[in-house]
Amino acid sequence: MATETRGEAAAKDEGRDKPASKRTGPALFVRQVVAELRKVIWPTRRELITYTTVSLVFVLVMVALVSGVDWVLQKGVLALFT
């Protein structure tokens, strides 16, 4: 049976009782964060305005859609129970 055989995967799992590696200090952490932030491709002003506009339009459309569905359901429930 498959539950009775132990392969390489089981042997690798047995070595997990090793102590965790040392923690890094705050200064090294900040240096690593700054190094990662330098790799980021930041959007231009035009891209930022475009992304913001698209996001706001999408949110406004969704608010209108949910409000419309809510209004229709409200009228339906009031008509049903009054």
N, C-alpha and C. Protein backbone atom coordinates (compact mmCIF):
# COMPACT_ATOMS: atom_id res chain seq x y z
N MET A 1 0.84 -1.18 0.00
CA MET A 1 0.00 0.00 0.00
C MET A 1 0.88 1.24 0.00
N ALA A 2 0.34 2.32 -0.51
CA ALA A 2 1.10 3.56 -0.61
C ALA A 2 1.41 4.15 0.75
N THR A 3 0.58 3.91 1.73
CA THR A 3 0.82 4.48 3.06
C THR A 3 1.94 3.78 3.80
N GLU A 4 2.31 2.60 3.35
CA GLU A 4 3.35 1.85 4.03
C GLU A 4 4.74 2.12 3.46
N THR A 5 4.81 2.67 2.26
CA THR A 5 6.12 2.94 1.66
C THR A 5 6.58 4.33 2.01
N ARG A 6 7.85 4.43 2.27
CA ARG A 6 8.43 5.73 2.59
C ARG A 6 9.52 6.00 1.58
N GLY A 7 9.35 7.06 0.85
CA GLY A 7 10.31 7.41 -0.19
C GLY A 7 11.18 8.57 0.21
N GLU A 8 11.74 9.25 -0.79
CA GLU A 8 12.64 10.37 -0.54
C GLU A 8 11.90 11.55 0.10
N ALA A 9 10.63 11.75 -0.26
CA ALA A 9 9.87 12.86 0.31
C ALA A 9 9.76 12.74 1.82
N ALA A 10 9.55 11.53 2.30
CA ALA A 10 9.44 11.33 3.75
C ALA A 10 10.79 11.56 4.42
N ALA A 11 11.86 11.20 3.76
CA ALA A 11 13.19 11.40 4.34
C ALA A 11 13.51 12.89 4.44
N LYS A 12 13.06 13.68 3.47
CA LYS A 12 13.29 15.13 3.52
C LYS A 12 12.49 15.78 4.63
N ASP A 13 11.29 15.29 4.89
CA ASP A 13 10.44 15.87 5.93
C ASP A 13 11.00 15.63 7.32
N GLU A 14 11.77 14.55 7.50
CA GLU A 14 12.31 14.24 8.82
C GLU A 14 13.36 15.24 9.27
N GLY A 15 13.99 15.96 8.35
CA GLY A 15 15.03 16.91 8.70
C GLY A 15 14.51 18.28 9.05
N ARG A 16 13.24 18.43 9.31
CA ARG A 16 12.65 19.74 9.59
C ARG A 16 12.88 20.22 11.01
N ASP A 17 13.45 19.42 11.86
CA ASP A 17 13.63 19.80 13.25
C ASP A 17 14.86 20.66 13.47
N LYS A 18 15.43 21.20 12.39
CA LYS A 18 16.61 22.06 12.52
C LYS A 18 16.18 23.40 13.10
N PRO A 19 17.06 24.05 13.85
CA PRO A 19 16.70 25.37 14.41
C PRO A 19 16.58 26.40 13.28
N ALA A 20 15.73 27.39 13.51
CA ALA A 20 15.52 28.44 12.52
C ALA A 20 16.79 29.27 12.36
N SER A 21 16.95 29.86 11.19
CA SER A 21 18.14 30.68 10.94
C SER A 21 18.05 31.97 11.75
N LYS A 22 19.19 32.64 11.91
CA LYS A 22 19.23 33.86 12.71
C LYS A 22 18.40 34.96 12.07
N ARG A 23 17.84 35.81 12.90
CA ARG A 23 17.09 36.96 12.41
C ARG A 23 18.04 38.05 11.98
N THR A 24 17.60 38.84 10.99
CA THR A 24 18.43 39.97 10.55
C THR A 24 18.15 41.17 11.43
N GLY A 25 19.10 42.07 11.48
CA GLY A 25 18.95 43.27 12.28
C GLY A 25 18.13 44.32 11.55
N PRO A 26 17.69 45.34 12.26
CA PRO A 26 16.86 46.39 11.66
C PRO A 26 17.58 47.15 10.54
N ALA A 27 18.87 47.40 10.70
CA ALA A 27 19.60 48.14 9.67
C ALA A 27 19.67 47.36 8.37
N LEU A 28 19.93 46.06 8.45
CA LEU A 28 19.97 45.23 7.24
C LEU A 28 18.59 45.17 6.60
N PHE A 29 17.57 45.08 7.42
CA PHE A 29 16.21 45.04 6.90
C PHE A 29 15.89 46.31 6.11
N VAL A 30 16.24 47.48 6.67
CA VAL A 30 15.98 48.75 5.99
C VAL A 30 16.76 48.83 4.69
N ARG A 31 18.02 48.38 4.70
CA ARG A 31 18.81 48.40 3.46
C ARG A 31 18.18 47.51 2.39
N GLN A 32 17.68 46.35 2.80
CA GLN A 32 17.04 45.46 1.84
C GLN A 32 15.74 46.06 1.30
N VAL A 33 14.99 46.73 2.15
CA VAL A 33 13.75 47.37 1.70
C VAL A 33 14.06 48.47 0.69
N VAL A 34 15.06 49.30 0.98
CA VAL A 34 15.44 50.37 0.07
C VAL A 34 15.92 49.79 -1.26
N ALA A 35 16.69 48.72 -1.21
CA ALA A 35 17.17 48.09 -2.45
C ALA A 35 16.00 47.56 -3.28
N GLU A 36 14.98 46.97 -2.63
CA GLU A 36 13.82 46.47 -3.37
C GLU A 36 13.00 47.62 -3.95
N LEU A 37 12.87 48.72 -3.20
CA LEU A 37 12.11 49.86 -3.70
C LEU A 37 12.78 50.50 -4.91
N ARG A 38 14.10 50.40 -5.00
CA ARG A 38 14.79 50.94 -6.17
C ARG A 38 14.51 50.13 -7.42
N LYS A 39 14.12 48.87 -7.26
CA LYS A 39 13.81 48.02 -8.41
C LYS A 39 12.41 48.27 -8.96
N VAL A 40 11.57 48.96 -8.18
CA VAL A 40 10.18 49.17 -8.58
C VAL A 40 10.12 50.15 -9.74
N ILE A 41 9.27 49.84 -10.72
CA ILE A 41 9.03 50.76 -11.83
C ILE A 41 7.83 51.61 -11.44
N TRP A 42 8.08 52.86 -11.09
CA TRP A 42 7.03 53.74 -10.62
C TRP A 42 6.27 54.31 -11.81
N PRO A 43 4.94 54.48 -11.70
CA PRO A 43 4.17 55.02 -12.83
C PRO A 43 4.46 56.51 -13.02
N THR A 44 4.33 56.93 -14.28
CA THR A 44 4.49 58.36 -14.56
C THR A 44 3.24 59.08 -14.08
N ARG A 45 3.29 60.41 -14.10
CA ARG A 45 2.14 61.20 -13.66
C ARG A 45 0.94 60.90 -14.54
N ARG A 46 1.14 60.79 -15.85
CA ARG A 46 0.05 60.52 -16.78
C ARG A 46 -0.57 59.14 -16.51
N GLU A 47 0.28 58.13 -16.30
CA GLU A 47 -0.22 56.78 -15.98
C GLU A 47 -1.00 56.79 -14.67
N LEU A 48 -0.48 57.51 -13.69
CA LEU A 48 -1.14 57.57 -12.38
C LEU A 48 -2.52 58.21 -12.50
N ILE A 49 -2.63 59.28 -13.26
CA ILE A 49 -3.92 59.94 -13.46
C ILE A 49 -4.87 59.00 -14.20
N THR A 50 -4.37 58.29 -15.20
CA THR A 50 -5.21 57.36 -15.96
C THR A 50 -5.70 56.23 -15.06
N TYR A 51 -4.82 55.62 -14.30
CA TYR A 51 -5.20 54.52 -13.41
C TYR A 51 -6.21 54.98 -12.36
N THR A 52 -5.99 56.17 -11.81
CA THR A 52 -6.90 56.70 -10.79
C THR A 52 -8.27 56.97 -11.38
N THR A 53 -8.30 57.55 -12.58
CA THR A 53 -9.57 57.84 -13.24
C THR A 53 -10.33 56.56 -13.54
N VAL A 54 -9.65 55.57 -14.07
CA VAL A 54 -10.30 54.29 -14.38
C VAL A 54 -10.84 53.66 -13.11
N SER A 55 -10.08 53.70 -12.04
CA SER A 55 -10.53 53.11 -10.77
C SER A 55 -11.75 53.83 -10.23
N LEU A 56 -11.74 55.15 -10.26
CA LEU A 56 -12.88 55.91 -9.74
C LEU A 56 -14.13 55.69 -10.59
N VAL A 57 -13.99 55.64 -11.91
CA VAL A 57 -15.14 55.39 -12.78
C VAL A 57 -15.69 54.00 -12.51
N PHE A 58 -14.83 53.01 -12.36
CA PHE A 58 -15.29 51.66 -12.06
C PHE A 58 -16.05 51.61 -10.74
N VAL A 59 -15.51 52.26 -9.72
CA VAL A 59 -16.17 52.26 -8.41
C VAL A 59 -17.53 52.95 -8.51
N LEU A 60 -17.61 54.08 -9.23
CA LEU A 60 -18.88 54.78 -9.37
C LEU A 60 -19.91 53.94 -10.12
N VAL A 61 -19.48 53.22 -11.16
CA VAL A 61 -20.39 52.35 -11.90
C VAL A 61 -20.89 51.23 -10.98
N MET A 62 -20.02 50.64 -10.20
CA MET A 62 -20.43 49.56 -9.30
C MET A 62 -21.38 50.08 -8.22
N VAL A 63 -21.13 51.28 -7.70
CA VAL A 63 -22.02 51.87 -6.69
C VAL A 63 -23.40 52.09 -7.31
N ALA A 64 -23.44 52.61 -8.53
CA ALA A 64 -24.71 52.83 -9.21
C ALA A 64 -25.44 51.50 -9.44
N LEU A 65 -24.71 50.48 -9.85
CA LEU A 65 -25.31 49.18 -10.10
C LEU A 65 -25.89 48.58 -8.82
N VAL A 66 -25.11 48.58 -7.76
CA VAL A 66 -25.58 48.00 -6.49
C VAL A 66 -26.74 48.83 -5.93
N SER A 67 -26.66 50.15 -6.05
CA SER A 67 -27.76 51.00 -5.56
C SER A 67 -29.03 50.73 -6.35
N GLY A 68 -28.90 50.57 -7.66
CA GLY A 68 -30.07 50.28 -8.49
C GLY A 68 -30.71 48.95 -8.12
N VAL A 69 -29.91 47.92 -7.95
CA VAL A 69 -30.43 46.61 -7.56
C VAL A 69 -31.08 46.69 -6.18
N ASP A 70 -30.45 47.43 -5.26
CA ASP A 70 -31.00 47.59 -3.92
C ASP A 70 -32.35 48.30 -3.98
N TRP A 71 -32.46 49.34 -4.78
CA TRP A 71 -33.71 50.09 -4.90
C TRP A 71 -34.82 49.21 -5.47
N VAL A 72 -34.49 48.43 -6.52
CA VAL A 72 -35.48 47.54 -7.12
C VAL A 72 -35.94 46.49 -6.12
N LEU A 73 -35.03 45.89 -5.39
CA LEU A 73 -35.39 44.89 -4.39
C LEU A 73 -36.22 45.51 -3.26
N GLN A 74 -35.87 46.73 -2.87
CA GLN A 74 -36.61 47.41 -1.81
C GLN A 74 -38.05 47.65 -2.26
N LYS A 75 -38.24 48.15 -3.46
CA LYS A 75 -39.59 48.38 -3.97
C LYS A 75 -40.36 47.06 -4.10
N GLY A 76 -39.68 46.01 -4.52
CA GLY A 76 -40.32 44.71 -4.65
C GLY A 76 -40.78 44.16 -3.30
N VAL A 77 -39.94 44.24 -2.29
CA VAL A 77 -40.28 43.75 -0.97
C VAL A 77 -41.41 44.58 -0.37
N LEU A 78 -41.36 45.91 -0.53
CA LEU A 78 -42.43 46.77 -0.01
C LEU A 78 -43.76 46.47 -0.72
N ALA A 79 -43.70 46.25 -2.02
CA ALA A 79 -44.94 45.93 -2.75
C ALA A 79 -45.48 44.56 -2.33
N LEU A 80 -44.61 43.64 -2.01
CA LEU A 80 -45.02 42.29 -1.64
C LEU A 80 -45.67 42.25 -0.26
N PHE A 81 -45.15 43.02 0.68
CA PHE A 81 -45.62 42.95 2.06
C PHE A 81 -46.56 44.08 2.47
N THR A 82 -46.92 44.98 1.58
CA THR A 82 -47.86 46.04 1.96
C THR A 82 -49.17 45.92 1.22
